[in-house]
Amino acid sequence: MIPDSDLKLGEFRLLEVDNRVVVPVETHVRVIVTAADVLHC
């Protein structure tokens, strides 16, 4: 998570990632998530 003090104007604290993905509209999208460690929702 990014600390509030490090956010730039318009960034979302819990939604920022290193590599952004553009998702098409009006299309079914399937996301497969894998990890070498525990994932928490």
PDB file of N, CA and C in Angstrom:
ATOM      1  N   MET A   1       0.839  -1.184   0.000  1.00  0.00           N
ATOM      2  CA  MET A   1       0.000   0.000   0.000  1.00  0.00           C
ATOM      3  C   MET A   1       0.879   1.240   0.000  1.00  0.00           C
ATOM      4  N   ILE A   2       0.391   2.253  -0.644  1.00  0.00           N
ATOM      5  CA  ILE A   2       1.124   3.508  -0.739  1.00  0.00           C
ATOM      6  C   ILE A   2       0.671   4.423   0.405  1.00  0.00           C
ATOM      7  N   PRO A   3       1.598   4.980   1.163  1.00  0.00           N
ATOM      8  CA  PRO A   3       1.211   5.914   2.221  1.00  0.00           C
ATOM      9  C   PRO A   3       0.510   7.138   1.635  1.00  0.00           C
ATOM     10  N   ASP A   4      -0.427   7.685   2.368  1.00  0.00           N
ATOM     11  CA  ASP A   4      -1.172   8.863   1.899  1.00  0.00           C
ATOM     12  C   ASP A   4      -0.233  10.005   1.516  1.00  0.00           C
ATOM     13  N   SER A   5       0.867  10.163   2.234  1.00  0.00           N
ATOM     14  CA  SER A   5       1.785  11.273   1.974  1.00  0.00           C
ATOM     15  C   SER A   5       2.530  11.114   0.643  1.00  0.00           C
ATOM     16  N   ASP A   6       2.608   9.879   0.098  1.00  0.00           N
ATOM     17  CA  ASP A   6       3.328   9.632  -1.155  1.00  0.00           C
ATOM     18  C   ASP A   6       2.432   9.654  -2.386  1.00  0.00           C
ATOM     19  N   LEU A   7       1.125   9.830  -2.194  1.00  0.00           N
ATOM     20  CA  LEU A   7       0.204   9.828  -3.328  1.00  0.00           C
ATOM     21  C   LEU A   7       0.313  11.117  -4.130  1.00  0.00           C
ATOM     22  N   LYS A   8       0.197  10.977  -5.456  1.00  0.00           N
ATOM     23  CA  LYS A   8       0.135  12.126  -6.337  1.00  0.00           C
ATOM     24  C   LYS A   8      -1.326  12.463  -6.565  1.00  0.00           C
ATOM     25  N   LEU A   9      -1.611  13.638  -7.068  1.00  0.00           N
ATOM     26  CA  LEU A   9      -2.983  14.075  -7.303  1.00  0.00           C
ATOM     27  C   LEU A   9      -3.693  13.094  -8.237  1.00  0.00           C
ATOM     28  N   GLY A  10      -4.841  12.583  -7.818  1.00  0.00           N
ATOM     29  CA  GLY A  10      -5.635  11.680  -8.642  1.00  0.00           C
ATOM     30  C   GLY A  10      -5.340  10.204  -8.451  1.00  0.00           C
ATOM     31  N   GLU A  11      -4.326   9.845  -7.659  1.00  0.00           N
ATOM     32  CA  GLU A  11      -4.024   8.438  -7.423  1.00  0.00           C
ATOM     33  C   GLU A  11      -4.920   7.879  -6.313  1.00  0.00           C
ATOM     34  N   PHE A  12      -5.253   6.605  -6.435  1.00  0.00           N
ATOM     35  CA  PHE A  12      -6.055   5.922  -5.431  1.00  0.00           C
ATOM     36  C   PHE A  12      -5.142   5.068  -4.578  1.00  0.00           C
ATOM     37  N   ARG A  13      -5.191   5.224  -3.287  1.00  0.00           N
ATOM     38  CA  ARG A  13      -4.252   4.573  -2.368  1.00  0.00           C
ATOM     39  C   ARG A  13      -4.263   3.055  -2.481  1.00  0.00           C
ATOM     40  N   LEU A  14      -5.410   2.431  -2.492  1.00  0.00           N
ATOM     41  CA  LEU A  14      -5.477   0.975  -2.481  1.00  0.00           C
ATOM     42  C   LEU A  14      -5.571   0.373  -3.884  1.00  0.00           C
ATOM     43  N   LEU A  15      -5.629   1.201  -4.921  1.00  0.00           N
ATOM     44  CA  LEU A  15      -5.802   0.679  -6.271  1.00  0.00           C
ATOM     45  C   LEU A  15      -4.589   0.903  -7.162  1.00  0.00           C
ATOM     46  N   GLU A  16      -3.550   1.549  -6.668  1.00  0.00           N
ATOM     47  CA  GLU A  16      -2.380   1.806  -7.492  1.00  0.00           C
ATOM     48  C   GLU A  16      -1.518   0.556  -7.594  1.00  0.00           C
ATOM     49  N   VAL A  17      -0.999   0.301  -8.782  1.00  0.00           N
ATOM     50  CA  VAL A  17      -0.145  -0.856  -9.033  1.00  0.00           C
ATOM     51  C   VAL A  17       1.089  -0.426  -9.817  1.00  0.00           C
ATOM     52  N   ASP A  18       2.061  -1.330  -9.918  1.00  0.00           N
ATOM     53  CA  ASP A  18       3.269  -1.029 -10.689  1.00  0.00           C
ATOM     54  C   ASP A  18       2.994  -0.982 -12.188  1.00  0.00           C
ATOM     55  N   ASN A  19       2.190  -1.903 -12.667  1.00  0.00           N
ATOM     56  CA  ASN A  19       1.878  -1.984 -14.099  1.00  0.00           C
ATOM     57  C   ASN A  19       0.373  -1.932 -14.292  1.00  0.00           C
ATOM     58  N   ARG A  20      -0.108  -0.861 -14.888  1.00  0.00           N
ATOM     59  CA  ARG A  20      -1.546  -0.714 -15.116  1.00  0.00           C
ATOM     60  C   ARG A  20      -1.987  -1.529 -16.319  1.00  0.00           C
ATOM     61  N   VAL A  21      -3.245  -1.965 -16.291  1.00  0.00           N
ATOM     62  CA  VAL A  21      -3.823  -2.750 -17.383  1.00  0.00           C
ATOM     63  C   VAL A  21      -5.054  -2.025 -17.880  1.00  0.00           C
ATOM     64  N   VAL A  22      -5.172  -1.904 -19.198  1.00  0.00           N
ATOM     65  CA  VAL A  22      -6.364  -1.304 -19.798  1.00  0.00           C
ATOM     66  C   VAL A  22      -7.333  -2.434 -20.098  1.00  0.00           C
ATOM     67  N   VAL A  23      -8.531  -2.361 -19.537  1.00  0.00           N
ATOM     68  CA  VAL A  23      -9.536  -3.409 -19.696  1.00  0.00           C
ATOM     69  C   VAL A  23     -10.590  -2.913 -20.680  1.00  0.00           C
ATOM     70  N   PRO A  24     -10.907  -3.698 -21.718  1.00  0.00           N
ATOM     71  CA  PRO A  24     -11.905  -3.268 -22.698  1.00  0.00           C
ATOM     72  C   PRO A  24     -13.305  -3.227 -22.088  1.00  0.00           C
ATOM     73  N   VAL A  25     -14.142  -2.322 -22.617  1.00  0.00           N
ATOM     74  CA  VAL A  25     -15.519  -2.202 -22.140  1.00  0.00           C
ATOM     75  C   VAL A  25     -16.415  -3.141 -22.937  1.00  0.00           C
ATOM     76  N   GLU A  26     -17.557  -3.482 -22.353  1.00  0.00           N
ATOM     77  CA  GLU A  26     -18.561  -4.351 -22.966  1.00  0.00           C
ATOM     78  C   GLU A  26     -17.959  -5.673 -23.451  1.00  0.00           C
ATOM     79  N   THR A  27     -17.042  -6.226 -22.654  1.00  0.00           N
ATOM     80  CA  THR A  27     -16.378  -7.483 -22.978  1.00  0.00           C
ATOM     81  C   THR A  27     -16.231  -8.298 -21.700  1.00  0.00           C
ATOM     82  N   HIS A  28     -16.384  -9.613 -21.814  1.00  0.00           N
ATOM     83  CA  HIS A  28     -16.149 -10.483 -20.669  1.00  0.00           C
ATOM     84  C   HIS A  28     -14.651 -10.610 -20.465  1.00  0.00           C
ATOM     85  N   VAL A  29     -14.207 -10.425 -19.228  1.00  0.00           N
ATOM     86  CA  VAL A  29     -12.790 -10.505 -18.906  1.00  0.00           C
ATOM     87  C   VAL A  29     -12.605 -11.532 -17.801  1.00  0.00           C
ATOM     88  N   ARG A  30     -11.693 -12.470 -18.012  1.00  0.00           N
ATOM     89  CA  ARG A  30     -11.381 -13.469 -16.994  1.00  0.00           C
ATOM     90  C   ARG A  30      -9.970 -13.196 -16.491  1.00  0.00           C
ATOM     91  N   VAL A  31      -9.814 -13.131 -15.174  1.00  0.00           N
ATOM     92  CA  VAL A  31      -8.518 -12.857 -14.570  1.00  0.00           C
ATOM     93  C   VAL A  31      -8.107 -14.073 -13.761  1.00  0.00           C
ATOM     94  N   ILE A  32      -6.927 -14.589 -14.038  1.00  0.00           N
ATOM     95  CA  ILE A  32      -6.378 -15.706 -13.280  1.00  0.00           C
ATOM     96  C   ILE A  32      -5.243 -15.156 -12.422  1.00  0.00           C
ATOM     97  N   VAL A  33      -5.362 -15.323 -11.111  1.00  0.00           N
ATOM     98  CA  VAL A  33      -4.367 -14.791 -10.178  1.00  0.00           C
ATOM     99  C   VAL A  33      -3.651 -15.952  -9.515  1.00  0.00           C
ATOM    100  N   THR A  34      -2.336 -15.914  -9.557  1.00  0.00           N
ATOM    101  CA  THR A  34      -1.539 -16.930  -8.885  1.00  0.00           C
ATOM    102  C   THR A  34      -0.511 -16.233  -7.995  1.00  0.00           C
ATOM    103  N   ALA A  35      -0.041 -16.952  -7.009  1.00  0.00           N
ATOM    104  CA  ALA A  35       0.961 -16.373  -6.116  1.00  0.00           C
ATOM    105  C   ALA A  35       1.786 -17.493  -5.489  1.00  0.00           C
ATOM    106  N   ALA A  36       2.982 -17.154  -5.103  1.00  0.00           N
ATOM    107  CA  ALA A  36       3.853 -18.104  -4.421  1.00  0.00           C
ATOM    108  C   ALA A  36       3.626 -18.066  -2.913  1.00  0.00           C
ATOM    109  N   ASP A  37       2.786 -17.133  -2.464  1.00  0.00           N
ATOM    110  CA  ASP A  37       2.521 -16.962  -1.046  1.00  0.00           C
ATOM    111  C   ASP A  37       1.013 -16.872  -0.858  1.00  0.00           C
ATOM    112  N   VAL A  38       0.560 -16.523   0.306  1.00  0.00           N
ATOM    113  CA  VAL A  38      -0.856 -16.448   0.629  1.00  0.00           C
ATOM    114  C   VAL A  38      -1.465 -15.175   0.062  1.00  0.00           C
ATOM    115  N   LEU A  39      -2.644 -15.293  -0.550  1.00  0.00           N
ATOM    116  CA  LEU A  39      -3.390 -14.136  -1.025  1.00  0.00           C
ATOM    117  C   LEU A  39      -4.505 -13.827  -0.029  1.00  0.00           C
ATOM    118  N   HIS A  40      -4.685 -12.571   0.297  1.00  0.00           N
ATOM    119  CA  HIS A  40      -5.743 -12.145   1.204  1.00  0.00           C
ATOM    120  C   HIS A  40      -6.670 -11.199   0.468  1.00  0.00           C
ATOM    121  N   CYS A  41      -7.963 -11.382   0.641  1.00  0.00           N
ATOM    122  CA  CYS A  41      -8.948 -10.497   0.004  1.00  0.00           C
ATOM    123  C   CYS A  41      -9.448  -9.487   1.004  1.00  0.00           C
TER     124      CYS A  41
END
